[in-house]
Amino acid sequence: MSNYLIDKKDRFFIAGAKGMVGSAVSRALYQAGYKNQLTPSKNELDLRDNNQVSNWFSVNRPDIVILAAAKVGGIYANSKYPVDFLLDNLKIQNNVIENSFLSGCRRLLFLGSSCIYPKFAEQPIQEDALLTGSLEPTNEYYAIAKIAGIKLCAALHLQHGFDAISLMPTNLYGVGDNYHPQNSHVIPALISRLHKAKIEKQSFITCWGSGSPLREFLHSDDLGNACLFALEKWQISAPETPLDINKNPLFFLNVGSGKDLSIKKLVELLSSIIGYNGKIYWDCTKADGTPKKQLNICHMNRLGWEAKIELSEGLQMAYKDFLTRLNKGTLRC
């Protein structure tokens, strides 16, 4: 596909550039020579406020937009704050996507989530599985918001020819992750707990669920490179674009590592990396979530992209980042 879908002279707006995903996208673009980046912080631009977003676009006029901003969290946060996860994400997406179109932005990349798929979708999950079954209840409000974002991008392409593409990453982790004790995802939550247990010489820790669910994980730097790849190489209107089962162009593509493992195996791997030798107990009264969630990434692979960072290597990188930030006093565990 064309190598000129984006240009080194373009102005890139990375919404959510200060977060784990946005910063990974920013690094990937910068390393590839795309250095003209607009990366306002939350304090500088509240993406939930349409007036602020509209004014910002009027002044800055970005050529390329990457929407990596979102309100995210684990099972506990999603269950406790469903209104926040639905409304905040809808506001962010609607404001950024619509104003990108209205301001004349040339390309937009929206980042969704693998939670958009039905709880019992056939594995590995293909893009065609979207809206074919019920969602996982523990994160359905976040998922519904992300589905709305995908469909808005598709609708703008269909009705107005707007060049909006979407990527659906699997479970993410990496440098700059969120280690909040209640609102974090599984890997940062486990790193924090296992490190604390090691330091405090705890003889055991208790983890939620049975440990049996299978999960796929992708390092944020791999996702950053996938975003760069998609922006440079993938255009929905191109003849060789991936198609759905009805031979229509796909508006979104899965991004993953192509491998999964049980949560129990993940805990064992992290315990080894961190050096925690205590016992692990499982609280089966807590929800497991989806029993298995692995993405079919054949379309991205056929276009020429694949993940590079093995899980064991990535987890060591994540733990090193955790220790660095802990020593600097920028997080607490």
C-alpha atoms as a PDB file:
ATOM      1  CA  MET A   1       0.000   0.000   0.000  1.00  0.00           C
ATOM      2  CA  SER A   2       1.008   3.626  -0.325  1.00  0.00           C
ATOM      3  CA  ASN A   3       3.952   4.924   1.708  1.00  0.00           C
ATOM      4  CA  TYR A   4       2.569   8.477   1.500  1.00  0.00           C
ATOM      5  CA  LEU A   5      -0.591   8.303   3.593  1.00  0.00           C
ATOM      6  CA  ILE A   6       1.245  10.409   6.172  1.00  0.00           C
ATOM      7  CA  ASP A   7       4.179  12.765   5.732  1.00  0.00           C
ATOM      8  CA  LYS A   8       7.082  13.905   7.891  1.00  0.00           C
ATOM      9  CA  LYS A   9       5.785  17.469   7.588  1.00  0.00           C
ATOM     10  CA  ASP A  10       2.332  16.608   8.963  1.00  0.00           C
ATOM     11  CA  ARG A  11       1.127  17.939  12.282  1.00  0.00           C
ATOM     12  CA  PHE A  12       0.175  14.999  14.516  1.00  0.00           C
ATOM     13  CA  PHE A  13      -2.310  15.428  17.361  1.00  0.00           C
ATOM     14  CA  ILE A  14      -1.968  12.572  19.840  1.00  0.00           C
ATOM     15  CA  ALA A  15      -4.968  12.711  22.156  1.00  0.00           C
ATOM     16  CA  GLY A  16      -3.901  11.048  25.406  1.00  0.00           C
ATOM     17  CA  ALA A  17      -0.187  11.451  24.690  1.00  0.00           C
ATOM     18  CA  LYS A  18       0.741  11.509  28.370  1.00  0.00           C
ATOM     19  CA  GLY A  19      -0.710   8.041  29.048  1.00  0.00           C
ATOM     20  CA  MET A  20       0.892   4.653  28.507  1.00  0.00           C
ATOM     21  CA  VAL A  21      -0.597   4.091  25.052  1.00  0.00           C
ATOM     22  CA  GLY A  22      -0.354   7.662  23.798  1.00  0.00           C
ATOM     23  CA  SER A  23       3.273   8.003  24.873  1.00  0.00           C
ATOM     24  CA  ALA A  24       4.106   4.725  23.090  1.00  0.00           C
ATOM     25  CA  VAL A  25       2.481   6.045  19.892  1.00  0.00           C
ATOM     26  CA  SER A  26       4.395   9.308  20.282  1.00  0.00           C
ATOM     27  CA  ARG A  27       7.723   7.443  20.657  1.00  0.00           C
ATOM     28  CA  ALA A  28       7.048   5.276  17.607  1.00  0.00           C
ATOM     29  CA  LEU A  29       6.186   8.291  15.461  1.00  0.00           C
ATOM     30  CA  TYR A  30       9.166  10.316  16.696  1.00  0.00           C
ATOM     31  CA  GLN A  31      11.618   7.488  16.076  1.00  0.00           C
ATOM     32  CA  ALA A  32      10.266   7.173  12.524  1.00  0.00           C
ATOM     33  CA  GLY A  33      10.866  10.862  11.871  1.00  0.00           C
ATOM     34  CA  TYR A  34       7.367  12.224  12.547  1.00  0.00           C
ATOM     35  CA  LYS A  35       8.455  14.866  15.028  1.00  0.00           C
ATOM     36  CA  ASN A  36       5.828  17.576  14.555  1.00  0.00           C
ATOM     37  CA  GLN A  37       3.583  16.446  17.404  1.00  0.00           C
ATOM     38  CA  LEU A  38       0.833  18.198  19.353  1.00  0.00           C
ATOM     39  CA  THR A  39       0.526  16.610  22.793  1.00  0.00           C
ATOM     40  CA  PRO A  40      -1.575  18.752  25.155  1.00  0.00           C
ATOM     41  CA  SER A  41      -2.057  17.474  28.688  1.00  0.00           C
ATOM     42  CA  LYS A  42      -5.411  17.022  30.444  1.00  0.00           C
ATOM     43  CA  ASN A  43      -4.896  20.351  32.185  1.00  0.00           C
ATOM     44  CA  GLU A  44      -4.316  22.075  28.860  1.00  0.00           C
ATOM     45  CA  LEU A  45      -7.218  20.448  27.014  1.00  0.00           C
ATOM     46  CA  ASP A  46     -10.218  18.692  28.561  1.00  0.00           C
ATOM     47  CA  LEU A  47     -11.352  16.349  25.790  1.00  0.00           C
ATOM     48  CA  ARG A  48     -14.767  15.964  27.462  1.00  0.00           C
ATOM     49  CA  ASP A  49     -15.492  19.660  26.840  1.00  0.00           C
ATOM     50  CA  ASN A  50     -16.620  20.150  23.236  1.00  0.00           C
ATOM     51  CA  ASN A  51     -16.107  23.915  23.318  1.00  0.00           C
ATOM     52  CA  GLN A  52     -12.491  23.468  24.378  1.00  0.00           C
ATOM     53  CA  VAL A  53     -11.896  20.776  21.767  1.00  0.00           C
ATOM     54  CA  SER A  54     -13.539  22.782  18.979  1.00  0.00           C
ATOM     55  CA  ASN A  55     -11.492  25.878  19.815  1.00  0.00           C
ATOM     56  CA  TRP A  56      -8.293  23.850  20.034  1.00  0.00           C
ATOM     57  CA  PHE A  57      -8.844  22.334  16.577  1.00  0.00           C
ATOM     58  CA  SER A  58      -9.645  25.763  15.121  1.00  0.00           C
ATOM     59  CA  VAL A  59      -6.312  27.100  16.354  1.00  0.00           C
ATOM     60  CA  ASN A  60      -4.027  24.099  15.798  1.00  0.00           C
ATOM     61  CA  ARG A  61      -5.446  22.404  12.658  1.00  0.00           C
ATOM     62  CA  PRO A  62      -3.713  19.002  12.924  1.00  0.00           C
ATOM     63  CA  ASP A  63      -3.253  16.955   9.752  1.00  0.00           C
ATOM     64  CA  ILE A  64      -3.289  13.572  11.489  1.00  0.00           C
ATOM     65  CA  VAL A  65      -5.142  12.629  14.701  1.00  0.00           C
ATOM     66  CA  ILE A  66      -4.499   9.593  16.891  1.00  0.00           C
ATOM     67  CA  LEU A  67      -7.197   9.118  19.522  1.00  0.00           C
ATOM     68  CA  ALA A  68      -5.497   7.212  22.346  1.00  0.00           C
ATOM     69  CA  ALA A  69      -7.286   9.039  25.178  1.00  0.00           C
ATOM     70  CA  ALA A  70      -9.832   7.104  27.214  1.00  0.00           C
ATOM     71  CA  LYS A  71     -11.061   6.492  30.718  1.00  0.00           C
ATOM     72  CA  VAL A  72      -9.796   2.988  31.479  1.00  0.00           C
ATOM     73  CA  GLY A  73      -9.670   0.608  34.437  1.00  0.00           C
ATOM     74  CA  GLY A  74      -9.975  -2.962  35.596  1.00  0.00           C
ATOM     75  CA  ILE A  75     -12.970  -5.037  36.666  1.00  0.00           C
ATOM     76  CA  TYR A  76     -13.443  -3.189  39.980  1.00  0.00           C
ATOM     77  CA  ALA A  77     -13.410   0.289  38.430  1.00  0.00           C
ATOM     78  CA  ASN A  78     -15.683  -0.695  35.539  1.00  0.00           C
ATOM     79  CA  SER A  79     -18.200  -2.252  37.908  1.00  0.00           C
ATOM     80  CA  LYS A  80     -18.209   0.649  40.361  1.00  0.00           C
ATOM     81  CA  TYR A  81     -18.249   3.581  37.918  1.00  0.00           C
ATOM     82  CA  PRO A  82     -20.334   2.516  34.870  1.00  0.00           C
ATOM     83  CA  VAL A  83     -21.674   6.030  34.237  1.00  0.00           C
ATOM     84  CA  ASP A  84     -18.156   7.499  34.161  1.00  0.00           C
ATOM     85  CA  PHE A  85     -16.850   4.818  31.812  1.00  0.00           C
ATOM     86  CA  LEU A  86     -19.758   5.287  29.415  1.00  0.00           C
ATOM     87  CA  LEU A  87     -20.219   9.064  29.432  1.00  0.00           C
ATOM     88  CA  ASP A  88     -16.586  10.160  29.681  1.00  0.00           C
ATOM     89  CA  ASN A  89     -15.518   7.920  26.807  1.00  0.00           C
ATOM     90  CA  LEU A  90     -18.467   8.909  24.631  1.00  0.00           C
ATOM     91  CA  LYS A  91     -17.707  12.591  25.198  1.00  0.00           C
ATOM     92  CA  ILE A  92     -13.992  12.188  24.459  1.00  0.00           C
ATOM     93  CA  GLN A  93     -14.598  10.167  21.295  1.00  0.00           C
ATOM     94  CA  ASN A  94     -17.434  12.266  19.885  1.00  0.00           C
ATOM     95  CA  ASN A  95     -15.592  15.529  20.486  1.00  0.00           C
ATOM     96  CA  VAL A  96     -12.268  14.460  19.011  1.00  0.00           C
ATOM     97  CA  ILE A  97     -13.616  12.478  16.060  1.00  0.00           C
ATOM     98  CA  GLU A  98     -16.229  15.031  14.991  1.00  0.00           C
ATOM     99  CA  ASN A  99     -13.881  17.992  15.325  1.00  0.00           C
ATOM    100  CA  SER A 100     -11.188  16.116  13.405  1.00  0.00           C
ATOM    101  CA  PHE A 101     -13.638  15.774  10.526  1.00  0.00           C
ATOM    102  CA  LEU A 102     -14.980  19.323  10.739  1.00  0.00           C
ATOM    103  CA  SER A 103     -11.513  20.883  10.877  1.00  0.00           C
ATOM    104  CA  GLY A 104     -10.291  19.113   7.735  1.00  0.00           C
ATOM    105  CA  CYS A 105      -7.988  16.554   9.352  1.00  0.00           C
ATOM    106  CA  ARG A 106      -6.654  14.194   6.658  1.00  0.00           C
ATOM    107  CA  ARG A 107      -6.385  10.915   8.605  1.00  0.00           C
ATOM    108  CA  LEU A 108      -7.669   9.733  11.981  1.00  0.00           C
ATOM    109  CA  LEU A 109      -6.762   6.629  13.954  1.00  0.00           C
ATOM    110  CA  PHE A 110      -9.127   5.572  16.737  1.00  0.00           C
ATOM    111  CA  LEU A 111      -7.960   3.053  19.321  1.00  0.00           C
ATOM    112  CA  GLY A 112     -10.636   0.761  20.690  1.00  0.00           C
ATOM    113  CA  SER A 113     -10.358  -2.361  22.834  1.00  0.00           C
ATOM    114  CA  SER A 114     -10.814  -6.120  22.552  1.00  0.00           C
ATOM    115  CA  CYS A 115     -13.625  -5.847  25.121  1.00  0.00           C
ATOM    116  CA  ILE A 116     -15.930  -4.801  22.263  1.00  0.00           C
ATOM    117  CA  TYR A 117     -16.426  -8.463  21.386  1.00  0.00           C
ATOM    118  CA  PRO A 118     -19.068 -10.830  22.809  1.00  0.00           C
ATOM    119  CA  LYS A 119     -18.152 -12.688  25.977  1.00  0.00           C
ATOM    120  CA  PHE A 120     -18.433 -16.085  24.294  1.00  0.00           C
ATOM    121  CA  ALA A 121     -17.134 -15.211  20.843  1.00  0.00           C
ATOM    122  CA  GLU A 122     -15.447 -17.976  18.905  1.00  0.00           C
ATOM    123  CA  GLN A 123     -11.715 -18.009  19.596  1.00  0.00           C
ATOM    124  CA  PRO A 124      -9.471 -16.517  18.360  1.00  0.00           C
ATOM    125  CA  ILE A 125     -11.837 -13.615  17.848  1.00  0.00           C
ATOM    126  CA  GLN A 126     -12.276 -12.258  14.343  1.00  0.00           C
ATOM    127  CA  GLU A 127     -13.390  -8.722  13.559  1.00  0.00           C
ATOM    128  CA  ASP A 128     -16.673 -10.112  12.208  1.00  0.00           C
ATOM    129  CA  ALA A 129     -17.656 -11.183  15.734  1.00  0.00           C
ATOM    130  CA  LEU A 130     -18.593  -7.599  16.644  1.00  0.00           C
ATOM    131  CA  LEU A 131     -22.261  -7.318  17.765  1.00  0.00           C
ATOM    132  CA  THR A 132     -22.952 -11.042  17.367  1.00  0.00           C
ATOM    133  CA  GLY A 133     -23.562 -11.714  21.082  1.00  0.00           C
ATOM    134  CA  SER A 134     -23.769 -10.352  24.628  1.00  0.00           C
ATOM    135  CA  LEU A 135     -20.864  -8.415  26.111  1.00  0.00           C
ATOM    136  CA  GLU A 136     -18.917  -9.309  29.240  1.00  0.00           C
ATOM    137  CA  PRO A 137     -20.962  -7.640  32.050  1.00  0.00           C
ATOM    138  CA  THR A 138     -17.911  -6.474  34.016  1.00  0.00           C
ATOM    139  CA  ASN A 139     -16.903  -3.969  31.325  1.00  0.00           C
ATOM    140  CA  GLU A 140     -19.938  -3.602  29.064  1.00  0.00           C
ATOM    141  CA  TYR A 141     -20.310   0.177  29.555  1.00  0.00           C
ATOM    142  CA  TYR A 142     -16.734   0.824  28.464  1.00  0.00           C
ATOM    143  CA  ALA A 143     -17.221  -1.620  25.586  1.00  0.00           C
ATOM    144  CA  ILE A 144     -20.399   0.099  24.401  1.00  0.00           C
ATOM    145  CA  ALA A 145     -18.574   3.431  24.288  1.00  0.00           C
ATOM    146  CA  LYS A 146     -15.762   1.912  22.237  1.00  0.00           C
ATOM    147  CA  ILE A 147     -18.226   0.294  19.823  1.00  0.00           C
ATOM    148  CA  ALA A 148     -19.844   3.702  19.339  1.00  0.00           C
ATOM    149  CA  GLY A 149     -16.427   5.142  18.478  1.00  0.00           C
ATOM    150  CA  ILE A 150     -15.787   2.460  15.856  1.00  0.00           C
ATOM    151  CA  LYS A 151     -19.187   3.012  14.301  1.00  0.00           C
ATOM    152  CA  LEU A 152     -18.782   6.795  14.257  1.00  0.00           C
ATOM    153  CA  CYS A 153     -15.507   6.432  12.365  1.00  0.00           C
ATOM    154  CA  ALA A 154     -17.141   3.990   9.933  1.00  0.00           C
ATOM    155  CA  ALA A 155     -20.167   6.262   9.455  1.00  0.00           C
ATOM    156  CA  LEU A 156     -17.983   9.284   8.659  1.00  0.00           C
ATOM    157  CA  HIS A 157     -16.096   7.212   6.096  1.00  0.00           C
ATOM    158  CA  LEU A 158     -19.281   5.901   4.491  1.00  0.00           C
ATOM    159  CA  GLN A 159     -21.211   9.182   4.417  1.00  0.00           C
ATOM    160  CA  HIS A 160     -18.425  11.711   3.914  1.00  0.00           C
ATOM    161  CA  GLY A 161     -15.369   9.749   2.758  1.00  0.00           C
ATOM    162  CA  PHE A 162     -13.455  10.729   5.912  1.00  0.00           C
ATOM    163  CA  ASP A 163     -10.249   8.686   6.201  1.00  0.00           C
ATOM    164  CA  ALA A 164     -10.849   7.265   9.681  1.00  0.00           C
ATOM    165  CA  ILE A 165      -9.412   3.884  10.678  1.00  0.00           C
ATOM    166  CA  SER A 166      -9.583   1.975  13.970  1.00  0.00           C
ATOM    167  CA  LEU A 167      -7.407  -0.589  15.717  1.00  0.00           C
ATOM    168  CA  MET A 168      -8.620  -2.984  18.424  1.00  0.00           C
ATOM    169  CA  PRO A 169      -5.723  -3.895  20.721  1.00  0.00           C
ATOM    170  CA  THR A 170      -5.739  -6.797  23.126  1.00  0.00           C
ATOM    171  CA  ASN A 171      -4.872  -6.328  26.838  1.00  0.00           C
ATOM    172  CA  LEU A 172      -2.033  -3.812  27.119  1.00  0.00           C
ATOM    173  CA  TYR A 173       0.815  -3.212  29.535  1.00  0.00           C
ATOM    174  CA  GLY A 174       4.148  -1.390  29.461  1.00  0.00           C
ATOM    175  CA  VAL A 175       6.117   1.713  30.359  1.00  0.00           C
ATOM    176  CA  GLY A 176       4.033   4.379  32.086  1.00  0.00           C
ATOM    177  CA  ASP A 177       1.249   2.000  33.153  1.00  0.00           C
ATOM    178  CA  ASN A 178      -1.363   2.892  35.768  1.00  0.00           C
ATOM    179  CA  TYR A 179      -0.641   1.322  39.170  1.00  0.00           C
ATOM    180  CA  HIS A 180      -3.657   2.627  41.076  1.00  0.00           C
ATOM    181  CA  PRO A 181      -4.554   0.006  43.742  1.00  0.00           C
ATOM    182  CA  GLN A 182      -8.192  -0.254  42.580  1.00  0.00           C
ATOM    183  CA  ASN A 183      -8.401   1.183  39.054  1.00  0.00           C
ATOM    184  CA  SER A 184      -5.466  -0.577  37.377  1.00  0.00           C
ATOM    185  CA  HIS A 185      -5.484  -3.500  34.947  1.00  0.00           C
ATOM    186  CA  VAL A 186      -4.296  -7.001  35.782  1.00  0.00           C
ATOM    187  CA  ILE A 187      -0.545  -6.736  35.028  1.00  0.00           C
ATOM    188  CA  PRO A 188       0.176  -3.438  36.832  1.00  0.00           C
ATOM    189  CA  ALA A 189      -2.080  -4.529  39.710  1.00  0.00           C
ATOM    190  CA  LEU A 190      -0.140  -7.781  40.057  1.00  0.00           C
ATOM    191  CA  ILE A 191       3.247  -6.083  39.790  1.00  0.00           C
ATOM    192  CA  SER A 192       2.315  -3.675  42.570  1.00  0.00           C
ATOM    193  CA  ARG A 193       0.888  -6.382  44.844  1.00  0.00           C
ATOM    194  CA  LEU A 194       3.691  -8.871  44.311  1.00  0.00           C
ATOM    195  CA  HIS A 195       6.353  -6.221  44.868  1.00  0.00           C
ATOM    196  CA  LYS A 196       4.688  -5.106  48.083  1.00  0.00           C
ATOM    197  CA  ALA A 197       4.370  -8.721  49.244  1.00  0.00           C
ATOM    198  CA  LYS A 198       8.071  -9.261  48.559  1.00  0.00           C
ATOM    199  CA  ILE A 199       9.173  -6.112  50.406  1.00  0.00           C
ATOM    200  CA  GLU A 200       6.896  -6.856  53.381  1.00  0.00           C
ATOM    201  CA  LYS A 201       7.860 -10.563  53.354  1.00  0.00           C
ATOM    202  CA  GLN A 202       4.225 -11.660  53.170  1.00  0.00           C
ATOM    203  CA  SER A 203       3.871 -15.458  53.242  1.00  0.00           C
ATOM    204  CA  PHE A 204       0.946 -15.401  50.776  1.00  0.00           C
ATOM    205  CA  ILE A 205      -1.289 -13.211  48.648  1.00  0.00           C
ATOM    206  CA  THR A 206      -4.845 -13.784  47.467  1.00  0.00           C
ATOM    207  CA  CYS A 207      -5.821 -13.111  43.842  1.00  0.00           C
ATOM    208  CA  TRP A 208      -9.308 -12.630  42.433  1.00  0.00           C
ATOM    209  CA  GLY A 209     -11.033 -15.472  40.616  1.00  0.00           C
ATOM    210  CA  SER A 210      -9.849 -18.972  39.829  1.00  0.00           C
ATOM    211  CA  GLY A 211      -6.757 -18.119  37.800  1.00  0.00           C
ATOM    212  CA  SER A 212      -8.062 -20.168  34.890  1.00  0.00           C
ATOM    213  CA  PRO A 213      -9.131 -17.437  32.400  1.00  0.00           C
ATOM    214  CA  LEU A 214      -6.861 -17.161  29.376  1.00  0.00           C
ATOM    215  CA  ARG A 215      -5.614 -13.727  28.365  1.00  0.00           C
ATOM    216  CA  GLU A 216      -3.506 -12.274  25.580  1.00  0.00           C
ATOM    217  CA  PHE A 217      -1.155  -9.388  26.350  1.00  0.00           C
ATOM    218  CA  LEU A 218       0.592  -6.856  24.139  1.00  0.00           C
ATOM    219  CA  HIS A 219       3.363  -4.471  25.113  1.00  0.00           C
ATOM    220  CA  SER A 220       2.446  -0.825  24.554  1.00  0.00           C
ATOM    221  CA  ASP A 221       5.527  -0.288  22.363  1.00  0.00           C
ATOM    222  CA  ASP A 222       4.276  -3.016  20.030  1.00  0.00           C
ATOM    223  CA  LEU A 223       0.948  -1.189  19.821  1.00  0.00           C
ATOM    224  CA  GLY A 224       2.770   2.080  19.146  1.00  0.00           C
ATOM    225  CA  ASN A 225       4.513   0.458  16.200  1.00  0.00           C
ATOM    226  CA  ALA A 226       1.203  -1.040  15.023  1.00  0.00           C
ATOM    227  CA  CYS A 227      -0.319   2.453  14.988  1.00  0.00           C
ATOM    228  CA  LEU A 228       2.603   3.781  12.953  1.00  0.00           C
ATOM    229  CA  PHE A 229       2.285   0.829  10.564  1.00  0.00           C
ATOM    230  CA  ALA A 230      -1.453   1.336  10.084  1.00  0.00           C
ATOM    231  CA  LEU A 231      -1.094   5.069   9.490  1.00  0.00           C
ATOM    232  CA  GLU A 232       1.609   4.499   6.884  1.00  0.00           C
ATOM    233  CA  LYS A 233       0.276   1.378   5.169  1.00  0.00           C
ATOM    234  CA  TRP A 234      -3.453   0.792   5.665  1.00  0.00           C
ATOM    235  CA  GLN A 235      -6.173   2.667   3.810  1.00  0.00           C
ATOM    236  CA  ILE A 236      -9.751   1.377   3.718  1.00  0.00           C
ATOM    237  CA  SER A 237     -10.297   2.553   0.142  1.00  0.00           C
ATOM    238  CA  ALA A 238      -7.239   0.684  -1.222  1.00  0.00           C
ATOM    239  CA  PRO A 239      -7.904  -2.402  -3.382  1.00  0.00           C
ATOM    240  CA  GLU A 240      -5.914  -4.691  -1.096  1.00  0.00           C
ATOM    241  CA  THR A 241      -7.592  -3.591   2.153  1.00  0.00           C
ATOM    242  CA  PRO A 242      -8.792  -6.426   4.460  1.00  0.00           C
ATOM    243  CA  LEU A 243     -12.379  -7.563   3.923  1.00  0.00           C
ATOM    244  CA  ASP A 244     -15.072  -8.970   6.210  1.00  0.00           C
ATOM    245  CA  ILE A 245     -16.950 -12.218   5.573  1.00  0.00           C
ATOM    246  CA  ASN A 246     -19.302 -10.393   3.192  1.00  0.00           C
ATOM    247  CA  LYS A 247     -16.353  -9.084   1.153  1.00  0.00           C
ATOM    248  CA  ASN A 248     -16.839  -5.534   2.378  1.00  0.00           C
ATOM    249  CA  PRO A 249     -13.870  -3.458   3.622  1.00  0.00           C
ATOM    250  CA  LEU A 250     -13.193  -3.700   7.340  1.00  0.00           C
ATOM    251  CA  PHE A 251     -13.169  -0.409   9.219  1.00  0.00           C
ATOM    252  CA  PHE A 252     -11.185  -1.765  12.166  1.00  0.00           C
ATOM    253  CA  LEU A 253      -8.455  -4.379  12.635  1.00  0.00           C
ATOM    254  CA  ASN A 254      -7.343  -6.445  15.614  1.00  0.00           C
ATOM    255  CA  VAL A 255      -3.897  -5.966  17.145  1.00  0.00           C
ATOM    256  CA  GLY A 256      -2.384  -8.570  19.446  1.00  0.00           C
ATOM    257  CA  SER A 257       0.558 -10.825  20.182  1.00  0.00           C
ATOM    258  CA  GLY A 258      -1.092 -13.964  18.876  1.00  0.00           C
ATOM    259  CA  LYS A 259      -0.425 -15.799  22.157  1.00  0.00           C
ATOM    260  CA  ASP A 260      -2.333 -16.196  25.414  1.00  0.00           C
ATOM    261  CA  LEU A 261      -1.791 -17.723  28.842  1.00  0.00           C
ATOM    262  CA  SER A 262      -3.777 -18.316  32.017  1.00  0.00           C
ATOM    263  CA  ILE A 263      -3.882 -15.697  34.756  1.00  0.00           C
ATOM    264  CA  LYS A 264      -2.349 -18.326  37.029  1.00  0.00           C
ATOM    265  CA  LYS A 265       0.627 -18.705  34.684  1.00  0.00           C
ATOM    266  CA  LEU A 266       0.902 -14.925  34.490  1.00  0.00           C
ATOM    267  CA  VAL A 267       1.116 -14.673  38.289  1.00  0.00           C
ATOM    268  CA  GLU A 268       3.779 -17.378  38.350  1.00  0.00           C
ATOM    269  CA  LEU A 269       5.807 -15.586  35.681  1.00  0.00           C
ATOM    270  CA  LEU A 270       5.568 -12.236  37.461  1.00  0.00           C
ATOM    271  CA  SER A 271       6.439 -13.827  40.813  1.00  0.00           C
ATOM    272  CA  SER A 272       9.619 -15.190  39.257  1.00  0.00           C
ATOM    273  CA  ILE A 273      10.566 -11.841  37.699  1.00  0.00           C
ATOM    274  CA  ILE A 274       9.855  -9.879  40.887  1.00  0.00           C
ATOM    275  CA  GLY A 275      11.369 -12.483  43.190  1.00  0.00           C
ATOM    276  CA  TYR A 276       8.330 -13.225  45.330  1.00  0.00           C
ATOM    277  CA  ASN A 277       8.389 -16.748  46.758  1.00  0.00           C
ATOM    278  CA  GLY A 278       5.196 -16.791  48.850  1.00  0.00           C
ATOM    279  CA  LYS A 279       2.060 -18.825  48.196  1.00  0.00           C
ATOM    280  CA  ILE A 280      -0.728 -17.720  45.874  1.00  0.00           C
ATOM    281  CA  TYR A 281      -4.351 -18.320  46.900  1.00  0.00           C
ATOM    282  CA  TRP A 282      -7.334 -17.795  44.604  1.00  0.00           C
ATOM    283  CA  ASP A 283     -10.633 -16.267  45.734  1.00  0.00           C
ATOM    284  CA  CYS A 284     -13.178 -18.051  43.554  1.00  0.00           C
ATOM    285  CA  THR A 285     -16.012 -15.911  44.915  1.00  0.00           C
ATOM    286  CA  LYS A 286     -14.717 -13.064  42.731  1.00  0.00           C
ATOM    287  CA  ALA A 287     -15.576 -12.742  39.047  1.00  0.00           C
ATOM    288  CA  ASP A 288     -13.277 -14.285  36.463  1.00  0.00           C
ATOM    289  CA  GLY A 289     -14.590 -12.253  33.560  1.00  0.00           C
ATOM    290  CA  THR A 290     -14.441 -13.674  30.042  1.00  0.00           C
ATOM    291  CA  PRO A 291     -13.066 -17.265  30.123  1.00  0.00           C
ATOM    292  CA  LYS A 292     -10.813 -16.741  27.100  1.00  0.00           C
ATOM    293  CA  LYS A 293     -10.045 -13.689  25.032  1.00  0.00           C
ATOM    294  CA  GLN A 294      -7.558 -14.013  22.207  1.00  0.00           C
ATOM    295  CA  LEU A 295      -7.684 -11.994  19.016  1.00  0.00           C
ATOM    296  CA  ASN A 296      -7.366 -13.241  15.482  1.00  0.00           C
ATOM    297  CA  ILE A 297      -4.677 -10.938  14.073  1.00  0.00           C
ATOM    298  CA  CYS A 298      -4.414 -12.466  10.606  1.00  0.00           C
ATOM    299  CA  HIS A 299      -5.359  -9.244   8.806  1.00  0.00           C
ATOM    300  CA  MET A 300      -2.620  -7.138  10.414  1.00  0.00           C
ATOM    301  CA  ASN A 301      -0.136  -9.972   9.897  1.00  0.00           C
ATOM    302  CA  ARG A 302      -1.012 -10.235   6.208  1.00  0.00           C
ATOM    303  CA  LEU A 303      -0.512  -6.518   5.796  1.00  0.00           C
ATOM    304  CA  GLY A 304       2.990  -7.030   7.200  1.00  0.00           C
ATOM    305  CA  TRP A 305       2.840  -6.190  10.913  1.00  0.00           C
ATOM    306  CA  GLU A 306       3.585  -8.480  13.868  1.00  0.00           C
ATOM    307  CA  ALA A 307       4.414  -8.044  17.550  1.00  0.00           C
ATOM    308  CA  LYS A 308       8.114  -8.173  18.487  1.00  0.00           C
ATOM    309  CA  ILE A 309       8.276  -8.088  22.299  1.00  0.00           C
ATOM    310  CA  GLU A 310       7.916 -11.451  24.056  1.00  0.00           C
ATOM    311  CA  LEU A 311       5.840 -11.410  27.251  1.00  0.00           C
ATOM    312  CA  SER A 312       8.703 -12.357  29.591  1.00  0.00           C
ATOM    313  CA  GLU A 313      10.878  -9.584  28.144  1.00  0.00           C
ATOM    314  CA  GLY A 314       8.044  -7.068  28.269  1.00  0.00           C
ATOM    315  CA  LEU A 315       7.199  -7.884  31.884  1.00  0.00           C
ATOM    316  CA  GLN A 316      10.810  -7.336  32.898  1.00  0.00           C
ATOM    317  CA  MET A 317      10.714  -3.960  31.140  1.00  0.00           C
ATOM    318  CA  ALA A 318       7.464  -3.094  32.936  1.00  0.00           C
ATOM    319  CA  TYR A 319       8.839  -4.068  36.356  1.00  0.00           C
ATOM    320  CA  LYS A 320      11.989  -2.026  35.736  1.00  0.00           C
ATOM    321  CA  ASP A 321       9.812   0.993  34.873  1.00  0.00           C
ATOM    322  CA  PHE A 322       7.738   0.375  38.018  1.00  0.00           C
ATOM    323  CA  LEU A 323      10.860   0.373  40.205  1.00  0.00           C
ATOM    324  CA  THR A 324      12.223   3.501  38.540  1.00  0.00           C
ATOM    325  CA  ARG A 325       9.007   5.422  39.102  1.00  0.00           C
ATOM    326  CA  LEU A 326       8.708   4.093  42.654  1.00  0.00           C
ATOM    327  CA  ASN A 327      12.230   5.246  43.484  1.00  0.00           C
ATOM    328  CA  LYS A 328      11.510   8.658  41.993  1.00  0.00           C
ATOM    329  CA  GLY A 329       8.400   8.946  44.135  1.00  0.00           C
ATOM    330  CA  THR A 330       6.050   9.289  41.156  1.00  0.00           C
ATOM    331  CA  LEU A 331       3.862   6.385  42.272  1.00  0.00           C
ATOM    332  CA  ARG A 332       2.973   4.479  45.417  1.00  0.00           C
ATOM    333  CA  CYS A 333       2.268   0.787  45.926  1.00  0.00           C
END
